[in-house]
Amino acid sequence: MTTTTPSVQLVSDLVARIPSFRDAYESHVFTQGVVLPHVFFWDVVQGTVRSFLEEEGSAVDWRRTLDFLEEQSRRGEVGVDEVIVTSFLVDLPHPHEPGYEIVRQLGPVMAARFLRLRPGG
């Protein structure tokens, strides 16, 4: 019997809650052969920021994504927190990049972690 790690479960739960990530997920699994949460989250960051910037063709709802990640961040699960911090918050746009304003939309848990991680933005 295979045990699912918290970080892989995070990806599964994200795709279940926000089906617009399904295509990226399926492409990721096809390419990688397995779920690599940190790698997959690059697509999550990109889709979320594109949605925030209201780019054409973005099917992702950035608000739902941030809400889901905030909810997961409140759980205090080490593997989940590691993915959200190191593969989502770290990769958000910097102050000079388009979409940086999304940082102001982070929930309290993620905002506090972001501030500790990148105090200058």
PDB file of N, CA and C in Angstrom:
ATOM      1  N   MET A   1       0.838  -1.188   0.000  1.00  0.00           N
ATOM      2  CA  MET A   1       0.000   0.000   0.000  1.00  0.00           C
ATOM      3  C   MET A   1       0.880   1.248   0.000  1.00  0.00           C
ATOM      4  N   THR A   2       0.566   2.183  -0.862  1.00  0.00           N
ATOM      5  CA  THR A   2       1.324   3.415  -0.980  1.00  0.00           C
ATOM      6  C   THR A   2       0.712   4.493  -0.100  1.00  0.00           C
ATOM      7  N   THR A   3       1.543   5.174   0.657  1.00  0.00           N
ATOM      8  CA  THR A   3       1.083   6.262   1.499  1.00  0.00           C
ATOM      9  C   THR A   3       1.304   7.573   0.757  1.00  0.00           C
ATOM     10  N   THR A   4       0.281   8.401   0.721  1.00  0.00           N
ATOM     11  CA  THR A   4       0.387   9.707   0.081  1.00  0.00           C
ATOM     12  C   THR A   4       0.984  10.692   1.071  1.00  0.00           C
ATOM     13  N   THR A   5       1.992  11.412   0.634  1.00  0.00           N
ATOM     14  CA  THR A   5       2.604  12.422   1.497  1.00  0.00           C
ATOM     15  C   THR A   5       1.683  13.636   1.601  1.00  0.00           C
ATOM     16  N   PRO A   6       1.825  14.428   2.654  1.00  0.00           N
ATOM     17  CA  PRO A   6       0.999  15.634   2.777  1.00  0.00           C
ATOM     18  C   PRO A   6       1.144  16.579   1.581  1.00  0.00           C
ATOM     19  N   SER A   7       2.346  16.670   1.017  1.00  0.00           N
ATOM     20  CA  SER A   7       2.541  17.590  -0.104  1.00  0.00           C
ATOM     21  C   SER A   7       1.849  17.087  -1.367  1.00  0.00           C
ATOM     22  N   VAL A   8       1.855  15.773  -1.596  1.00  0.00           N
ATOM     23  CA  VAL A   8       1.143  15.211  -2.747  1.00  0.00           C
ATOM     24  C   VAL A   8      -0.363  15.343  -2.529  1.00  0.00           C
ATOM     25  N   GLN A   9      -0.808  15.156  -1.291  1.00  0.00           N
ATOM     26  CA  GLN A   9      -2.228  15.327  -0.979  1.00  0.00           C
ATOM     27  C   GLN A   9      -2.661  16.776  -1.208  1.00  0.00           C
ATOM     28  N   LEU A  10      -1.775  17.721  -0.904  1.00  0.00           N
ATOM     29  CA  LEU A  10      -2.056  19.137  -1.158  1.00  0.00           C
ATOM     30  C   LEU A  10      -2.360  19.362  -2.637  1.00  0.00           C
ATOM     31  N   VAL A  11      -1.553  18.777  -3.504  1.00  0.00           N
ATOM     32  CA  VAL A  11      -1.765  18.920  -4.942  1.00  0.00           C
ATOM     33  C   VAL A  11      -3.102  18.305  -5.339  1.00  0.00           C
ATOM     34  N   SER A  12      -3.379  17.102  -4.848  1.00  0.00           N
ATOM     35  CA  SER A  12      -4.654  16.430  -5.156  1.00  0.00           C
ATOM     36  C   SER A  12      -5.839  17.258  -4.692  1.00  0.00           C
ATOM     37  N   ASP A  13      -5.750  17.783  -3.482  1.00  0.00           N
ATOM     38  CA  ASP A  13      -6.843  18.594  -2.934  1.00  0.00           C
ATOM     39  C   ASP A  13      -7.018  19.887  -3.723  1.00  0.00           C
ATOM     40  N   LEU A  14      -5.911  20.489  -4.135  1.00  0.00           N
ATOM     41  CA  LEU A  14      -5.978  21.718  -4.929  1.00  0.00           C
ATOM     42  C   LEU A  14      -6.691  21.467  -6.251  1.00  0.00           C
ATOM     43  N   VAL A  15      -6.318  20.401  -6.927  1.00  0.00           N
ATOM     44  CA  VAL A  15      -6.925  20.096  -8.226  1.00  0.00           C
ATOM     45  C   VAL A  15      -8.400  19.738  -8.058  1.00  0.00           C
ATOM     46  N   ALA A  16      -8.731  19.060  -6.959  1.00  0.00           N
ATOM     47  CA  ALA A  16     -10.138  18.721  -6.693  1.00  0.00           C
ATOM     48  C   ALA A  16     -10.959  19.980  -6.415  1.00  0.00           C
ATOM     49  N   ARG A  17     -10.384  20.920  -5.687  1.00  0.00           N
ATOM     50  CA  ARG A  17     -11.099  22.141  -5.320  1.00  0.00           C
ATOM     51  C   ARG A  17     -11.139  23.144  -6.462  1.00  0.00           C
ATOM     52  N   ILE A  18     -10.059  23.189  -7.253  1.00  0.00           N
ATOM     53  CA  ILE A  18      -9.964  24.169  -8.336  1.00  0.00           C
ATOM     54  C   ILE A  18      -9.653  23.403  -9.625  1.00  0.00           C
ATOM     55  N   PRO A  19     -10.701  22.879 -10.257  1.00  0.00           N
ATOM     56  CA  PRO A  19     -10.514  22.019 -11.436  1.00  0.00           C
ATOM     57  C   PRO A  19      -9.796  22.679 -12.609  1.00  0.00           C
ATOM     58  N   SER A  20      -9.690  23.992 -12.611  1.00  0.00           N
ATOM     59  CA  SER A  20      -8.992  24.656 -13.712  1.00  0.00           C
ATOM     60  C   SER A  20      -7.498  24.320 -13.708  1.00  0.00           C
ATOM     61  N   PHE A  21      -6.996  23.713 -12.635  1.00  0.00           N
ATOM     62  CA  PHE A  21      -5.611  23.252 -12.610  1.00  0.00           C
ATOM     63  C   PHE A  21      -5.468  21.823 -13.148  1.00  0.00           C
ATOM     64  N   ARG A  22      -6.571  21.192 -13.513  1.00  0.00           N
ATOM     65  CA  ARG A  22      -6.547  19.790 -13.950  1.00  0.00           C
ATOM     66  C   ARG A  22      -5.640  19.579 -15.162  1.00  0.00           C
ATOM     67  N   ASP A  23      -5.737  20.425 -16.178  1.00  0.00           N
ATOM     68  CA  ASP A  23      -4.896  20.246 -17.367  1.00  0.00           C
ATOM     69  C   ASP A  23      -3.411  20.348 -17.015  1.00  0.00           C
ATOM     70  N   ALA A  24      -3.057  21.326 -16.207  1.00  0.00           N
ATOM     71  CA  ALA A  24      -1.658  21.471 -15.791  1.00  0.00           C
ATOM     72  C   ALA A  24      -1.213  20.254 -14.996  1.00  0.00           C
ATOM     73  N   TYR A  25      -2.099  19.750 -14.152  1.00  0.00           N
ATOM     74  CA  TYR A  25      -1.801  18.566 -13.346  1.00  0.00           C
ATOM     75  C   TYR A  25      -1.559  17.348 -14.240  1.00  0.00           C
ATOM     76  N   GLU A  26      -2.457  17.127 -15.179  1.00  0.00           N
ATOM     77  CA  GLU A  26      -2.324  15.970 -16.063  1.00  0.00           C
ATOM     78  C   GLU A  26      -1.060  16.071 -16.905  1.00  0.00           C
ATOM     79  N   SER A  27      -0.740  17.253 -17.383  1.00  0.00           N
ATOM     80  CA  SER A  27       0.487  17.460 -18.144  1.00  0.00           C
ATOM     81  C   SER A  27       1.709  17.199 -17.260  1.00  0.00           C
ATOM     82  N   HIS A  28       1.640  17.668 -16.035  1.00  0.00           N
ATOM     83  CA  HIS A  28       2.737  17.477 -15.081  1.00  0.00           C
ATOM     84  C   HIS A  28       2.984  15.991 -14.833  1.00  0.00           C
ATOM     85  N   VAL A  29       1.920  15.254 -14.547  1.00  0.00           N
ATOM     86  CA  VAL A  29       2.059  13.821 -14.264  1.00  0.00           C
ATOM     87  C   VAL A  29       2.560  13.080 -15.500  1.00  0.00           C
ATOM     88  N   PHE A  30       2.069  13.456 -16.664  1.00  0.00           N
ATOM     89  CA  PHE A  30       2.520  12.830 -17.898  1.00  0.00           C
ATOM     90  C   PHE A  30       4.021  13.070 -18.095  1.00  0.00           C
ATOM     91  N   THR A  31       4.448  14.301 -17.888  1.00  0.00           N
ATOM     92  CA  THR A  31       5.850  14.666 -18.097  1.00  0.00           C
ATOM     93  C   THR A  31       6.764  14.081 -17.023  1.00  0.00           C
ATOM     94  N   GLN A  32       6.365  14.177 -15.764  1.00  0.00           N
ATOM     95  CA  GLN A  32       7.220  13.769 -14.653  1.00  0.00           C
ATOM     96  C   GLN A  32       7.084  12.281 -14.308  1.00  0.00           C
ATOM     97  N   GLY A  33       5.931  11.713 -14.615  1.00  0.00           N
ATOM     98  CA  GLY A  33       5.680  10.322 -14.265  1.00  0.00           C
ATOM     99  C   GLY A  33       5.107  10.150 -12.869  1.00  0.00           C
ATOM    100  N   VAL A  34       5.272  11.148 -12.042  1.00  0.00           N
ATOM    101  CA  VAL A  34       4.742  11.174 -10.673  1.00  0.00           C
ATOM    102  C   VAL A  34       4.388  12.620 -10.339  1.00  0.00           C
ATOM    103  N   VAL A  35       3.772  12.807  -9.188  1.00  0.00           N
ATOM    104  CA  VAL A  35       3.472  14.169  -8.728  1.00  0.00           C
ATOM    105  C   VAL A  35       4.669  14.697  -7.946  1.00  0.00           C
ATOM    106  N   LEU A  36       5.237  15.770  -8.443  1.00  0.00           N
ATOM    107  CA  LEU A  36       6.314  16.478  -7.756  1.00  0.00           C
ATOM    108  C   LEU A  36       5.742  17.831  -7.327  1.00  0.00           C
ATOM    109  N   PRO A  37       5.256  17.910  -6.087  1.00  0.00           N
ATOM    110  CA  PRO A  37       4.536  19.111  -5.658  1.00  0.00           C
ATOM    111  C   PRO A  37       5.276  20.421  -5.893  1.00  0.00           C
ATOM    112  N   HIS A  38       6.566  20.464  -5.577  1.00  0.00           N
ATOM    113  CA  HIS A  38       7.300  21.724  -5.745  1.00  0.00           C
ATOM    114  C   HIS A  38       7.380  22.124  -7.218  1.00  0.00           C
ATOM    115  N   VAL A  39       7.545  21.165  -8.085  1.00  0.00           N
ATOM    116  CA  VAL A  39       7.588  21.449  -9.523  1.00  0.00           C
ATOM    117  C   VAL A  39       6.205  21.880 -10.014  1.00  0.00           C
ATOM    118  N   PHE A  40       5.174  21.154  -9.605  1.00  0.00           N
ATOM    119  CA  PHE A  40       3.813  21.476 -10.033  1.00  0.00           C
ATOM    120  C   PHE A  40       3.408  22.879  -9.588  1.00  0.00           C
ATOM    121  N   PHE A  41       3.863  23.291  -8.431  1.00  0.00           N
ATOM    122  CA  PHE A  41       3.437  24.591  -7.912  1.00  0.00           C
ATOM    123  C   PHE A  41       3.949  25.771  -8.731  1.00  0.00           C
ATOM    124  N   TRP A  42       4.934  25.551  -9.588  1.00  0.00           N
ATOM    125  CA  TRP A  42       5.326  26.623 -10.505  1.00  0.00           C
ATOM    126  C   TRP A  42       4.133  26.968 -11.393  1.00  0.00           C
ATOM    127  N   ASP A  43       3.423  25.929 -11.866  1.00  0.00           N
ATOM    128  CA  ASP A  43       2.227  26.160 -12.683  1.00  0.00           C
ATOM    129  C   ASP A  43       1.129  26.844 -11.871  1.00  0.00           C
ATOM    130  N   VAL A  44       1.049  26.500 -10.592  1.00  0.00           N
ATOM    131  CA  VAL A  44       0.044  27.127  -9.725  1.00  0.00           C
ATOM    132  C   VAL A  44       0.327  28.618  -9.582  1.00  0.00           C
ATOM    133  N   VAL A  45       1.570  28.966  -9.337  1.00  0.00           N
ATOM    134  CA  VAL A  45       1.947  30.383  -9.223  1.00  0.00           C
ATOM    135  C   VAL A  45       1.630  31.114 -10.525  1.00  0.00           C
ATOM    136  N   GLN A  46       2.068  30.537 -11.639  1.00  0.00           N
ATOM    137  CA  GLN A  46       1.870  31.196 -12.922  1.00  0.00           C
ATOM    138  C   GLN A  46       0.386  31.380 -13.237  1.00  0.00           C
ATOM    139  N   GLY A  47      -0.408  30.345 -13.031  1.00  0.00           N
ATOM    140  CA  GLY A  47      -1.843  30.435 -13.299  1.00  0.00           C
ATOM    141  C   GLY A  47      -2.536  31.430 -12.389  1.00  0.00           C
ATOM    142  N   THR A  48      -2.126  31.457 -11.140  1.00  0.00           N
ATOM    143  CA  THR A  48      -2.740  32.365 -10.167  1.00  0.00           C
ATOM    144  C   THR A  48      -2.418  33.819 -10.502  1.00  0.00           C
ATOM    145  N   VAL A  49      -1.167  34.092 -10.812  1.00  0.00           N
ATOM    146  CA  VAL A  49      -0.767  35.472 -11.138  1.00  0.00           C
ATOM    147  C   VAL A  49      -1.403  35.916 -12.454  1.00  0.00           C
ATOM    148  N   ARG A  50      -1.433  35.031 -13.448  1.00  0.00           N
ATOM    149  CA  ARG A  50      -2.093  35.382 -14.716  1.00  0.00           C
ATOM    150  C   ARG A  50      -3.562  35.729 -14.476  1.00  0.00           C
ATOM    151  N   SER A  51      -4.217  34.956 -13.635  1.00  0.00           N
ATOM    152  CA  SER A  51      -5.617  35.227 -13.313  1.00  0.00           C
ATOM    153  C   SER A  51      -5.755  36.584 -12.616  1.00  0.00           C
ATOM    154  N   PHE A  52      -4.870  36.854 -11.665  1.00  0.00           N
ATOM    155  CA  PHE A  52      -4.891  38.132 -10.950  1.00  0.00           C
ATOM    156  C   PHE A  52      -4.729  39.290 -11.920  1.00  0.00           C
ATOM    157  N   LEU A  53      -3.870  39.115 -12.905  1.00  0.00           N
ATOM    158  CA  LEU A  53      -3.635  40.160 -13.901  1.00  0.00           C
ATOM    159  C   LEU A  53      -4.718  40.185 -14.978  1.00  0.00           C
ATOM    160  N   GLU A  54      -5.675  39.277 -14.848  1.00  0.00           N
ATOM    161  CA  GLU A  54      -6.796  39.160 -15.788  1.00  0.00           C
ATOM    162  C   GLU A  54      -6.315  38.945 -17.212  1.00  0.00           C
ATOM    163  N   GLU A  55      -5.282  38.122 -17.344  1.00  0.00           N
ATOM    164  CA  GLU A  55      -4.782  37.813 -18.677  1.00  0.00           C
ATOM    165  C   GLU A  55      -5.779  36.925 -19.408  1.00  0.00           C
ATOM    166  N   GLU A  56      -5.899  37.170 -20.667  1.00  0.00           N
ATOM    167  CA  GLU A  56      -6.811  36.397 -21.499  1.00  0.00           C
ATOM    168  C   GLU A  56      -6.408  34.929 -21.492  1.00  0.00           C
ATOM    169  N   GLY A  57      -7.400  34.078 -21.402  1.00  0.00           N
ATOM    170  CA  GLY A  57      -7.146  32.646 -21.437  1.00  0.00           C
ATOM    171  C   GLY A  57      -6.880  32.032 -20.077  1.00  0.00           C
ATOM    172  N   SER A  58      -6.846  32.829 -19.025  1.00  0.00           N
ATOM    173  CA  SER A  58      -6.616  32.284 -17.693  1.00  0.00           C
ATOM    174  C   SER A  58      -7.937  31.820 -17.092  1.00  0.00           C
ATOM    175  N   ALA A  59      -8.050  30.519 -16.890  1.00  0.00           N
ATOM    176  CA  ALA A  59      -9.283  29.944 -16.352  1.00  0.00           C
ATOM    177  C   ALA A  59      -9.249  29.842 -14.829  1.00  0.00           C
ATOM    178  N   VAL A  60      -8.106  30.096 -14.243  1.00  0.00           N
ATOM    179  CA  VAL A  60      -7.928  29.957 -12.799  1.00  0.00           C
ATOM    180  C   VAL A  60      -8.594  31.128 -12.077  1.00  0.00           C
ATOM    181  N   ASP A  61      -9.218  30.845 -10.965  1.00  0.00           N
ATOM    182  CA  ASP A  61      -9.781  31.896 -10.113  1.00  0.00           C
ATOM    183  C   ASP A  61      -8.768  32.166  -9.003  1.00  0.00           C
ATOM    184  N   TRP A  62      -8.039  33.263  -9.110  1.00  0.00           N
ATOM    185  CA  TRP A  62      -6.971  33.547  -8.155  1.00  0.00           C
ATOM    186  C   TRP A  62      -7.489  33.652  -6.723  1.00  0.00           C
ATOM    187  N   ARG A  63      -8.696  34.157  -6.543  1.00  0.00           N
ATOM    188  CA  ARG A  63      -9.240  34.290  -5.187  1.00  0.00           C
ATOM    189  C   ARG A  63      -9.452  32.910  -4.549  1.00  0.00           C
ATOM    190  N   ARG A  64     -10.014  31.993  -5.318  1.00  0.00           N
ATOM    191  CA  ARG A  64     -10.230  30.632  -4.805  1.00  0.00           C
ATOM    192  C   ARG A  64      -8.898  29.958  -4.490  1.00  0.00           C
ATOM    193  N   THR A  65      -7.896  30.200  -5.326  1.00  0.00           N
ATOM    194  CA  THR A  65      -6.581  29.608  -5.091  1.00  0.00           C
ATOM    195  C   THR A  65      -5.977  30.144  -3.804  1.00  0.00           C
ATOM    196  N   LEU A  66      -5.995  31.459  -3.626  1.00  0.00           N
ATOM    197  CA  LEU A  66      -5.453  32.041  -2.392  1.00  0.00           C
ATOM    198  C   LEU A  66      -6.236  31.581  -1.174  1.00  0.00           C
ATOM    199  N   ASP A  67      -7.560  31.505  -1.279  1.00  0.00           N
ATOM    200  CA  ASP A  67      -8.379  31.032  -0.160  1.00  0.00           C
ATOM    201  C   ASP A  67      -8.017  29.600   0.214  1.00  0.00           C
ATOM    202  N   PHE A  68      -7.865  28.749  -0.801  1.00  0.00           N
ATOM    203  CA  PHE A  68      -7.506  27.359  -0.550  1.00  0.00           C
ATOM    204  C   PHE A  68      -6.138  27.263   0.125  1.00  0.00           C
ATOM    205  N   LEU A  69      -5.163  27.989  -0.389  1.00  0.00           N
ATOM    206  CA  LEU A  69      -3.819  27.926   0.180  1.00  0.00           C
ATOM    207  C   LEU A  69      -3.771  28.514   1.584  1.00  0.00           C
ATOM    208  N   GLU A  70      -4.552  29.540   1.841  1.00  0.00           N
ATOM    209  CA  GLU A  70      -4.638  30.098   3.200  1.00  0.00           C
ATOM    210  C   GLU A  70      -5.229  29.062   4.150  1.00  0.00           C
ATOM    211  N   GLU A  71      -6.286  28.428   3.718  1.00  0.00           N
ATOM    212  CA  GLU A  71      -6.931  27.373   4.522  1.00  0.00           C
ATOM    213  C   GLU A  71      -5.921  26.263   4.834  1.00  0.00           C
ATOM    214  N   GLN A  72      -5.170  25.851   3.831  1.00  0.00           N
ATOM    215  CA  GLN A  72      -4.168  24.802   4.029  1.00  0.00           C
ATOM    216  C   GLN A  72      -3.033  25.282   4.936  1.00  0.00           C
ATOM    217  N   SER A  73      -2.670  26.542   4.840  1.00  0.00           N
ATOM    218  CA  SER A  73      -1.598  27.102   5.660  1.00  0.00           C
ATOM    219  C   SER A  73      -1.969  27.117   7.139  1.00  0.00           C
ATOM    220  N   ARG A  74      -3.242  27.289   7.421  1.00  0.00           N
ATOM    221  CA  ARG A  74      -3.706  27.325   8.814  1.00  0.00           C
ATOM    222  C   ARG A  74      -3.626  25.965   9.485  1.00  0.00           C
ATOM    223  N   ARG A  75      -3.500  24.889   8.712  1.00  0.00           N
ATOM    224  CA  ARG A  75      -3.469  23.538   9.269  1.00  0.00           C
ATOM    225  C   ARG A  75      -2.178  23.251  10.024  1.00  0.00           C
ATOM    226  N   GLY A  76      -1.089  23.899   9.638  1.00  0.00           N
ATOM    227  CA  GLY A  76       0.182  23.673  10.315  1.00  0.00           C
ATOM    228  C   GLY A  76       0.835  22.344   9.962  1.00  0.00           C
ATOM    229  N   GLU A  77       0.541  21.808   8.802  1.00  0.00           N
ATOM    230  CA  GLU A  77       1.129  20.545   8.328  1.00  0.00           C
ATOM    231  C   GLU A  77       2.474  20.861   7.681  1.00  0.00           C
ATOM    232  N   VAL A  78       3.550  20.287   8.221  1.00  0.00           N
ATOM    233  CA  VAL A  78       4.894  20.633   7.779  1.00  0.00           C
ATOM    234  C   VAL A  78       5.086  20.474   6.269  1.00  0.00           C
ATOM    235  N   GLY A  79       4.747  19.342   5.689  1.00  0.00           N
ATOM    236  CA  GLY A  79       4.936  19.124   4.260  1.00  0.00           C
ATOM    237  C   GLY A  79       4.132  20.086   3.404  1.00  0.00           C
ATOM    238  N   VAL A  80       2.948  20.427   3.865  1.00  0.00           N
ATOM    239  CA  VAL A  80       2.078  21.372   3.151  1.00  0.00           C
ATOM    240  C   VAL A  80       2.680  22.771   3.234  1.00  0.00           C
ATOM    241  N   ASP A  81       3.064  23.169   4.438  1.00  0.00           N
ATOM    242  CA  ASP A  81       3.652  24.501   4.624  1.00  0.00           C
ATOM    243  C   ASP A  81       4.915  24.668   3.788  1.00  0.00           C
ATOM    244  N   GLU A  82       5.713  23.621   3.726  1.00  0.00           N
ATOM    245  CA  GLU A  82       6.956  23.685   2.962  1.00  0.00           C
ATOM    246  C   GLU A  82       6.683  23.995   1.489  1.00  0.00           C
ATOM    247  N   VAL A  83       5.691  23.331   0.918  1.00  0.00           N
ATOM    248  CA  VAL A  83       5.365  23.571  -0.489  1.00  0.00           C
ATOM    249  C   VAL A  83       4.816  24.987  -0.675  1.00  0.00           C
ATOM    250  N   ILE A  84       3.892  25.384   0.186  1.00  0.00           N
ATOM    251  CA  ILE A  84       3.275  26.708   0.033  1.00  0.00           C
ATOM    252  C   ILE A  84       4.309  27.818   0.192  1.00  0.00           C
ATOM    253  N   VAL A  85       5.194  27.678   1.163  1.00  0.00           N
ATOM    254  CA  VAL A  85       6.200  28.718   1.396  1.00  0.00           C
ATOM    255  C   VAL A  85       7.272  28.708   0.313  1.00  0.00           C
ATOM    256  N   THR A  86       7.886  27.546   0.080  1.00  0.00           N
ATOM    257  CA  THR A  86       9.051  27.528  -0.811  1.00  0.00           C
ATOM    258  C   THR A  86       8.704  27.453  -2.292  1.00  0.00           C
ATOM    259  N   SER A  87       7.482  27.054  -2.621  1.00  0.00           N
ATOM    260  CA  SER A  87       7.157  26.923  -4.039  1.00  0.00           C
ATOM    261  C   SER A  87       5.950  27.749  -4.467  1.00  0.00           C
ATOM    262  N   PHE A  88       5.401  28.536  -3.562  1.00  0.00           N
ATOM    263  CA  PHE A  88       4.351  29.477  -3.947  1.00  0.00           C
ATOM    264  C   PHE A  88       4.763  30.883  -3.512  1.00  0.00           C
ATOM    265  N   LEU A  89       4.883  31.094  -2.219  1.00  0.00           N
ATOM    266  CA  LEU A  89       5.184  32.440  -1.736  1.00  0.00           C
ATOM    267  C   LEU A  89       6.513  32.965  -2.275  1.00  0.00           C
ATOM    268  N   VAL A  90       7.540  32.130  -2.298  1.00  0.00           N
ATOM    269  CA  VAL A  90       8.852  32.557  -2.803  1.00  0.00           C
ATOM    270  C   VAL A  90       8.769  32.979  -4.261  1.00  0.00           C
ATOM    271  N   ASP A  91       7.911  32.307  -5.022  1.00  0.00           N
ATOM    272  CA  ASP A  91       7.850  32.556  -6.461  1.00  0.00           C
ATOM    273  C   ASP A  91       6.847  33.628  -6.873  1.00  0.00           C
ATOM    274  N   LEU A  92       6.174  34.247  -5.922  1.00  0.00           N
ATOM    275  CA  LEU A  92       5.280  35.352  -6.282  1.00  0.00           C
ATOM    276  C   LEU A  92       6.106  36.497  -6.857  1.00  0.00           C
ATOM    277  N   PRO A  93       5.478  37.338  -7.669  1.00  0.00           N
ATOM    278  CA  PRO A  93       6.228  38.443  -8.285  1.00  0.00           C
ATOM    279  C   PRO A  93       6.887  39.341  -7.235  1.00  0.00           C
ATOM    280  N   HIS A  94       7.985  39.935  -7.648  1.00  0.00           N
ATOM    281  CA  HIS A  94       8.701  40.898  -6.814  1.00  0.00           C
ATOM    282  C   HIS A  94       8.123  42.291  -7.089  1.00  0.00           C
ATOM    283  N   PRO A  95       8.443  43.285  -6.233  1.00  0.00           N
ATOM    284  CA  PRO A  95       7.835  44.614  -6.367  1.00  0.00           C
ATOM    285  C   PRO A  95       7.926  45.237  -7.763  1.00  0.00           C
ATOM    286  N   HIS A  96       8.956  44.950  -8.507  1.00  0.00           N
ATOM    287  CA  HIS A  96       9.126  45.552  -9.837  1.00  0.00           C
ATOM    288  C   HIS A  96       8.457  44.736 -10.948  1.00  0.00           C
ATOM    289  N   GLU A  97       7.802  43.635 -10.596  1.00  0.00           N
ATOM    290  CA  GLU A  97       7.205  42.750 -11.599  1.00  0.00           C
ATOM    291  C   GLU A  97       5.682  42.886 -11.642  1.00  0.00           C
ATOM    292  N   PRO A  98       5.094  42.683 -12.837  1.00  0.00           N
ATOM    293  CA  PRO A  98       3.633  42.720 -12.942  1.00  0.00           C
ATOM    294  C   PRO A  98       3.004  41.660 -12.034  1.00  0.00           C
ATOM    295  N   GLY A  99       1.950  42.059 -11.358  1.00  0.00           N
ATOM    296  CA  GLY A  99       1.228  41.127 -10.501  1.00  0.00           C
ATOM    297  C   GLY A  99       1.651  41.153  -9.045  1.00  0.00           C
ATOM    298  N   TYR A 100       2.653  41.968  -8.721  1.00  0.00           N
ATOM    299  CA  TYR A 100       3.117  42.016  -7.331  1.00  0.00           C
ATOM    300  C   TYR A 100       1.994  42.363  -6.356  1.00  0.00           C
ATOM    301  N   GLU A 101       1.020  43.116  -6.820  1.00  0.00           N
ATOM    302  CA  GLU A 101      -0.070  43.545  -5.938  1.00  0.00           C
ATOM    303  C   GLU A 101      -0.848  42.360  -5.356  1.00  0.00           C
ATOM    304  N   ILE A 102      -0.697  41.174  -5.927  1.00  0.00           N
ATOM    305  CA  ILE A 102      -1.373  39.991  -5.385  1.00  0.00           C
ATOM    306  C   ILE A 102      -0.940  39.731  -3.946  1.00  0.00           C
ATOM    307  N   VAL A 103       0.256  40.175  -3.604  1.00  0.00           N
ATOM    308  CA  VAL A 103       0.770  39.989  -2.242  1.00  0.00           C
ATOM    309  C   VAL A 103      -0.165  40.635  -1.223  1.00  0.00           C
ATOM    310  N   ARG A 104      -0.793  41.734  -1.597  1.00  0.00           N
ATOM    311  CA  ARG A 104      -1.715  42.429  -0.688  1.00  0.00           C
ATOM    312  C   ARG A 104      -3.019  41.650  -0.489  1.00  0.00           C
ATOM    313  N   GLN A 105      -3.229  40.624  -1.300  1.00  0.00           N
ATOM    314  CA  GLN A 105      -4.454  39.829  -1.221  1.00  0.00           C
ATOM    315  C   GLN A 105      -4.270  38.545  -0.405  1.00  0.00           C
ATOM    316  N   LEU A 106      -3.044  38.294   0.065  1.00  0.00           N
ATOM    317  CA  LEU A 106      -2.787  37.084   0.839  1.00  0.00           C
ATOM    318  C   LEU A 106      -3.536  37.136   2.167  1.00  0.00           C
ATOM    319  N   GLY A 107      -4.007  35.976   2.605  1.00  0.00           N
ATOM    320  CA  GLY A 107      -4.647  35.874   3.916  1.00  0.00           C
ATOM    321  C   GLY A 107      -3.621  36.082   5.014  1.00  0.00           C
ATOM    322  N   PRO A 108      -4.072  36.193   6.264  1.00  0.00           N
ATOM    323  CA  PRO A 108      -3.164  36.547   7.363  1.00  0.00           C
ATOM    324  C   PRO A 108      -2.010  35.567   7.584  1.00  0.00           C
ATOM    325  N   VAL A 109      -2.246  34.285   7.468  1.00  0.00           N
ATOM    326  CA  VAL A 109      -1.173  33.313   7.704  1.00  0.00           C
ATOM    327  C   VAL A 109      -0.123  33.406   6.596  1.00  0.00           C
ATOM    328  N   MET A 110      -0.578  33.396   5.357  1.00  0.00           N
ATOM    329  CA  MET A 110       0.382  33.481   4.258  1.00  0.00           C
ATOM    330  C   MET A 110       1.061  34.840   4.221  1.00  0.00           C
ATOM    331  N   ALA A 111       0.337  35.908   4.542  1.00  0.00           N
ATOM    332  CA  ALA A 111       0.940  37.243   4.546  1.00  0.00           C
ATOM    333  C   ALA A 111       2.066  37.324   5.578  1.00  0.00           C
ATOM    334  N   ALA A 112       1.854  36.751   6.754  1.00  0.00           N
ATOM    335  CA  ALA A 112       2.890  36.757   7.793  1.00  0.00           C
ATOM    336  C   ALA A 112       4.110  35.958   7.348  1.00  0.00           C
ATOM    337  N   ARG A 113       3.868  34.827   6.718  1.00  0.00           N
ATOM    338  CA  ARG A 113       4.987  34.012   6.232  1.00  0.00           C
ATOM    339  C   ARG A 113       5.727  34.725   5.103  1.00  0.00           C
ATOM    340  N   PHE A 114       4.978  35.364   4.230  1.00  0.00           N
ATOM    341  CA  PHE A 114       5.592  36.103   3.126  1.00  0.00           C
ATOM    342  C   PHE A 114       6.482  37.214   3.673  1.00  0.00           C
ATOM    343  N   LEU A 115       5.989  37.927   4.663  1.00  0.00           N
ATOM    344  CA  LEU A 115       6.745  39.035   5.265  1.00  0.00           C
ATOM    345  C   LEU A 115       8.042  38.528   5.903  1.00  0.00           C
ATOM    346  N   ARG A 116       7.976  37.373   6.584  1.00  0.00           N
ATOM    347  CA  ARG A 116       9.190  36.804   7.170  1.00  0.00           C
ATOM    348  C   ARG A 116      10.161  36.349   6.079  1.00  0.00           C
ATOM    349  N   LEU A 117       9.612  35.816   5.019  1.00  0.00           N
ATOM    350  CA  LEU A 117      10.408  35.269   3.926  1.00  0.00           C
ATOM    351  C   LEU A 117      11.047  36.368   3.077  1.00  0.00           C
ATOM    352  N   ARG A 118      10.253  37.360   2.758  1.00  0.00           N
ATOM    353  CA  ARG A 118      10.698  38.458   1.885  1.00  0.00           C
ATOM    354  C   ARG A 118      10.319  39.784   2.531  1.00  0.00           C
ATOM    355  N   PRO A 119      11.018  40.187   3.588  1.00  0.00           N
ATOM    356  CA  PRO A 119      10.635  41.408   4.304  1.00  0.00           C
ATOM    357  C   PRO A 119      10.625  42.660   3.442  1.00  0.00           C
ATOM    358  N   GLY A 120      11.400  42.692   2.390  1.00  0.00           N
ATOM    359  CA  GLY A 120      11.424  43.851   1.496  1.00  0.00           C
ATOM    360  C   GLY A 120      10.455  43.716   0.339  1.00  0.00           C
ATOM    361  N   GLY A 121       9.642  42.691   0.355  1.00  0.00           N
ATOM    362  CA  GLY A 121       8.693  42.474  -0.727  1.00  0.00           C
ATOM    363  C   GLY A 121       9.198  41.385  -1.596  1.00  0.00           C
TER     364      GLY A 121
END
